C-alpha atoms as a PDB file:
ATOM      1  CA  MET A   1     -20.240   9.411  13.636  1.00  0.00           C
ATOM      2  CA  THR A   2     -17.677   6.963  14.985  1.00  0.00           C
ATOM      3  CA  ILE A   3     -15.133   5.336  12.708  1.00  0.00           C
ATOM      4  CA  ASP A   4     -15.512   1.532  12.568  1.00  0.00           C
ATOM      5  CA  LEU A   5     -11.874   0.552  12.984  1.00  0.00           C
ATOM      6  CA  LEU A   6     -12.544  -3.157  13.466  1.00  0.00           C
ATOM      7  CA  SER A   7     -13.864  -3.462   9.918  1.00  0.00           C
ATOM      8  CA  ARG A   8     -10.514  -2.216   8.582  1.00  0.00           C
ATOM      9  CA  HIS A   9      -7.039  -3.734   8.393  1.00  0.00           C
ATOM     10  CA  CYS A  10      -3.576  -2.221   8.542  1.00  0.00           C
ATOM     11  CA  ALA A  11      -2.012  -1.396   5.186  1.00  0.00           C
ATOM     12  CA  PRO A  12       1.560  -0.455   4.279  1.00  0.00           C
ATOM     13  CA  LEU A  13       2.168   3.286   4.016  1.00  0.00           C
ATOM     14  CA  PRO A  14       4.892   4.722   1.823  1.00  0.00           C
ATOM     15  CA  LYS A  15       7.595   6.878   3.325  1.00  0.00           C
ATOM     16  CA  GLY A  16       6.555  10.489   2.954  1.00  0.00           C
ATOM     17  CA  THR A  17       2.914   9.883   3.903  1.00  0.00           C
ATOM     18  CA  PRO A  18       2.058  12.678   6.344  1.00  0.00           C
ATOM     19  CA  PRO A  19       1.303  11.471   9.881  1.00  0.00           C
ATOM     20  CA  LEU A  20      -1.943  12.324  11.663  1.00  0.00           C
ATOM     21  CA  LYS A  21      -1.406  15.289  13.972  1.00  0.00           C
ATOM     22  CA  GLY A  22      -3.551  17.416  16.201  1.00  0.00           C
ATOM     23  CA  LYS A  23      -7.257  17.440  15.417  1.00  0.00           C
ATOM     24  CA  ALA A  24      -6.777  15.042  12.480  1.00  0.00           C
ATOM     25  CA  ALA A  25      -6.236  12.236  15.023  1.00  0.00           C
ATOM     26  CA  ASP A  26      -9.302  13.124  17.147  1.00  0.00           C
ATOM     27  CA  PRO A  27     -11.928  11.056  15.240  1.00  0.00           C
ATOM     28  CA  TYR A  28      -9.656   8.012  15.424  1.00  0.00           C
ATOM     29  CA  LEU A  29      -8.945   8.512  19.128  1.00  0.00           C
ATOM     30  CA  ALA A  30     -12.696   8.746  19.768  1.00  0.00           C
ATOM     31  CA  ALA A  31     -13.110   5.314  18.120  1.00  0.00           C
ATOM     32  CA  VAL A  32     -10.865   3.463  20.619  1.00  0.00           C
ATOM     33  CA  SER A  33     -11.277   2.954  24.365  1.00  0.00           C
ATOM     34  CA  GLY A  34     -10.423   5.663  26.854  1.00  0.00           C
ATOM     35  CA  ARG A  35      -7.235   3.836  27.868  1.00  0.00           C
ATOM     36  CA  TRP A  36      -5.461   5.248  24.795  1.00  0.00           C
ATOM     37  CA  LYS A  37      -3.795   8.645  24.663  1.00  0.00           C
ATOM     38  CA  VAL A  38      -1.843  10.386  21.939  1.00  0.00           C
ATOM     39  CA  VAL A  39       1.641  11.255  23.179  1.00  0.00           C
ATOM     40  CA  ASP A  40       3.580  14.158  21.640  1.00  0.00           C
ATOM     41  CA  ASP A  41       1.576  13.911  18.389  1.00  0.00           C
ATOM     42  CA  HIS A  42       3.796  10.883  17.713  1.00  0.00           C
ATOM     43  CA  HIS A  43       2.376   7.673  19.166  1.00  0.00           C
ATOM     44  CA  LEU A  44      -0.489   6.036  20.993  1.00  0.00           C
ATOM     45  CA  GLU A  45       0.018   4.678  24.472  1.00  0.00           C
ATOM     46  CA  GLY A  46      -2.364   2.453  26.376  1.00  0.00           C
ATOM     47  CA  GLU A  47      -2.175   0.552  29.644  1.00  0.00           C
ATOM     48  CA  PHE A  48      -3.886  -2.765  30.230  1.00  0.00           C
ATOM     49  CA  ALA A  49      -4.289  -3.885  33.853  1.00  0.00           C
ATOM     50  CA  PHE A  50      -4.606  -7.511  34.990  1.00  0.00           C
ATOM     51  CA  GLU A  51      -4.901  -9.349  38.293  1.00  0.00           C
ATOM     52  CA  ASP A  52      -1.472 -10.953  38.052  1.00  0.00           C
ATOM     53  CA  PHE A  53       1.612 -11.506  35.944  1.00  0.00           C
ATOM     54  CA  LEU A  54       0.138 -14.451  34.035  1.00  0.00           C
ATOM     55  CA  GLY A  55      -2.877 -12.396  32.958  1.00  0.00           C
ATOM     56  CA  ALA A  56      -0.624  -9.650  31.622  1.00  0.00           C
ATOM     57  CA  LEU A  57       1.597 -12.228  29.917  1.00  0.00           C
ATOM     58  CA  ALA A  58      -1.375 -13.936  28.264  1.00  0.00           C
ATOM     59  CA  PHE A  59      -2.584 -10.564  26.947  1.00  0.00           C
ATOM     60  CA  THR A  60       0.902  -9.759  25.665  1.00  0.00           C
ATOM     61  CA  ASN A  61       0.941 -13.026  23.725  1.00  0.00           C
ATOM     62  CA  ARG A  62      -2.529 -12.361  22.268  1.00  0.00           C
ATOM     63  CA  ALA A  63      -1.473  -8.811  21.374  1.00  0.00           C
ATOM     64  CA  GLY A  64       1.603 -10.190  19.619  1.00  0.00           C
ATOM     65  CA  GLY A  65      -0.583 -12.516  17.568  1.00  0.00           C
ATOM     66  CA  ALA A  66      -2.903  -9.671  16.558  1.00  0.00           C
ATOM     67  CA  ALA A  67       0.079  -7.491  15.652  1.00  0.00           C
ATOM     68  CA  GLU A  68       1.557 -10.230  13.502  1.00  0.00           C
ATOM     69  CA  THR A  69      -1.771 -10.792  11.735  1.00  0.00           C
ATOM     70  CA  GLU A  70      -2.046  -7.063  10.968  1.00  0.00           C
ATOM     71  CA  GLY A  71       1.643  -6.714  10.068  1.00  0.00           C
ATOM     72  CA  HIS A  72       1.873  -3.765  12.464  1.00  0.00           C
ATOM     73  CA  HIS A  73       4.086  -4.250  15.500  1.00  0.00           C
ATOM     74  CA  PRO A  74       3.869  -2.183  18.706  1.00  0.00           C
ATOM     75  CA  ASP A  75       6.274  -1.798  21.590  1.00  0.00           C
ATOM     76  CA  ILE A  76       4.895  -3.771  24.545  1.00  0.00           C
ATOM     77  CA  THR A  77       6.252  -3.477  28.079  1.00  0.00           C
ATOM     78  CA  LEU A  78       5.191  -6.304  30.383  1.00  0.00           C
ATOM     79  CA  THR A  79       5.273  -5.897  34.161  1.00  0.00           C
ATOM     80  CA  TRP A  80       3.435  -7.600  37.022  1.00  0.00           C
ATOM     81  CA  GLY A  81      -0.265  -7.123  36.342  1.00  0.00           C
ATOM     82  CA  LYS A  82       0.212  -4.625  33.533  1.00  0.00           C
ATOM     83  CA  ALA A  83       1.068  -4.344  29.859  1.00  0.00           C
ATOM     84  CA  THR A  84       1.843  -0.936  28.369  1.00  0.00           C
ATOM     85  CA  VAL A  85       1.521  -0.675  24.597  1.00  0.00           C
ATOM     86  CA  ARG A  86       3.032   2.031  22.377  1.00  0.00           C
ATOM     87  CA  ILE A  87       2.025   2.159  18.730  1.00  0.00           C
ATOM     88  CA  TRP A  88       3.181   4.336  15.841  1.00  0.00           C
ATOM     89  CA  THR A  89       3.830   3.890  12.166  1.00  0.00           C
ATOM     90  CA  HIS A  90       7.589   3.674  11.791  1.00  0.00           C
ATOM     91  CA  SER A  91       7.640   4.291   8.041  1.00  0.00           C
ATOM     92  CA  ILE A  92       6.113   7.761   8.483  1.00  0.00           C
ATOM     93  CA  GLY A  93       7.533   8.578  11.912  1.00  0.00           C
ATOM     94  CA  GLY A  94       4.177   9.178  13.566  1.00  0.00           C
ATOM     95  CA  LEU A  95       0.524   8.253  13.765  1.00  0.00           C
ATOM     96  CA  SER A  96      -1.592   6.725  11.026  1.00  0.00           C
ATOM     97  CA  GLU A  97      -4.957   5.012  10.819  1.00  0.00           C
ATOM     98  CA  ASN A  98      -3.048   1.712  11.205  1.00  0.00           C
ATOM     99  CA  ASP A  99      -2.154   2.594  14.783  1.00  0.00           C
ATOM    100  CA  PHE A 100      -5.777   3.120  15.743  1.00  0.00           C
ATOM    101  CA  ILE A 101      -6.852  -0.065  13.950  1.00  0.00           C
ATOM    102  CA  LEU A 102      -4.360  -2.056  16.014  1.00  0.00           C
ATOM    103  CA  ALA A 103      -5.400  -0.251  19.205  1.00  0.00           C
ATOM    104  CA  ALA A 104      -9.040  -1.167  18.555  1.00  0.00           C
ATOM    105  CA  ARG A 105      -8.059  -4.806  18.017  1.00  0.00           C
ATOM    106  CA  LEU A 106      -6.049  -4.852  21.243  1.00  0.00           C
ATOM    107  CA  ASP A 107      -9.035  -3.390  23.124  1.00  0.00           C
ATOM    108  CA  THR A 108     -11.029  -6.485  22.159  1.00  0.00           C
ATOM    109  CA  LEU A 109      -8.325  -8.763  23.624  1.00  0.00           C
ATOM    110  CA  ALA A 110      -8.176  -7.209  27.101  1.00  0.00           C
END
């Protein structure tokens, strides 16, 4: 059964909440597109490719709007024809459901 991340919203997590690690992150990773990978059991990273700089810039602006709406802000690197997104939950120093919720939302914007 796949987790329906788009029906959920990001929620604040208190410091001390344990991050998702190892197999605990697998069901969430399966619920987002294949562009996402878990890096060092710490963050998600995904690359979005576009035909030109303006396409990547437009996506970056849409991603910023989605992040602001969810109150969960990723690192976004914009280059010609590409936006690389890194997401983790700063308050817990690693991955949480929030990161996968935002990743699923960004998938819909590409």
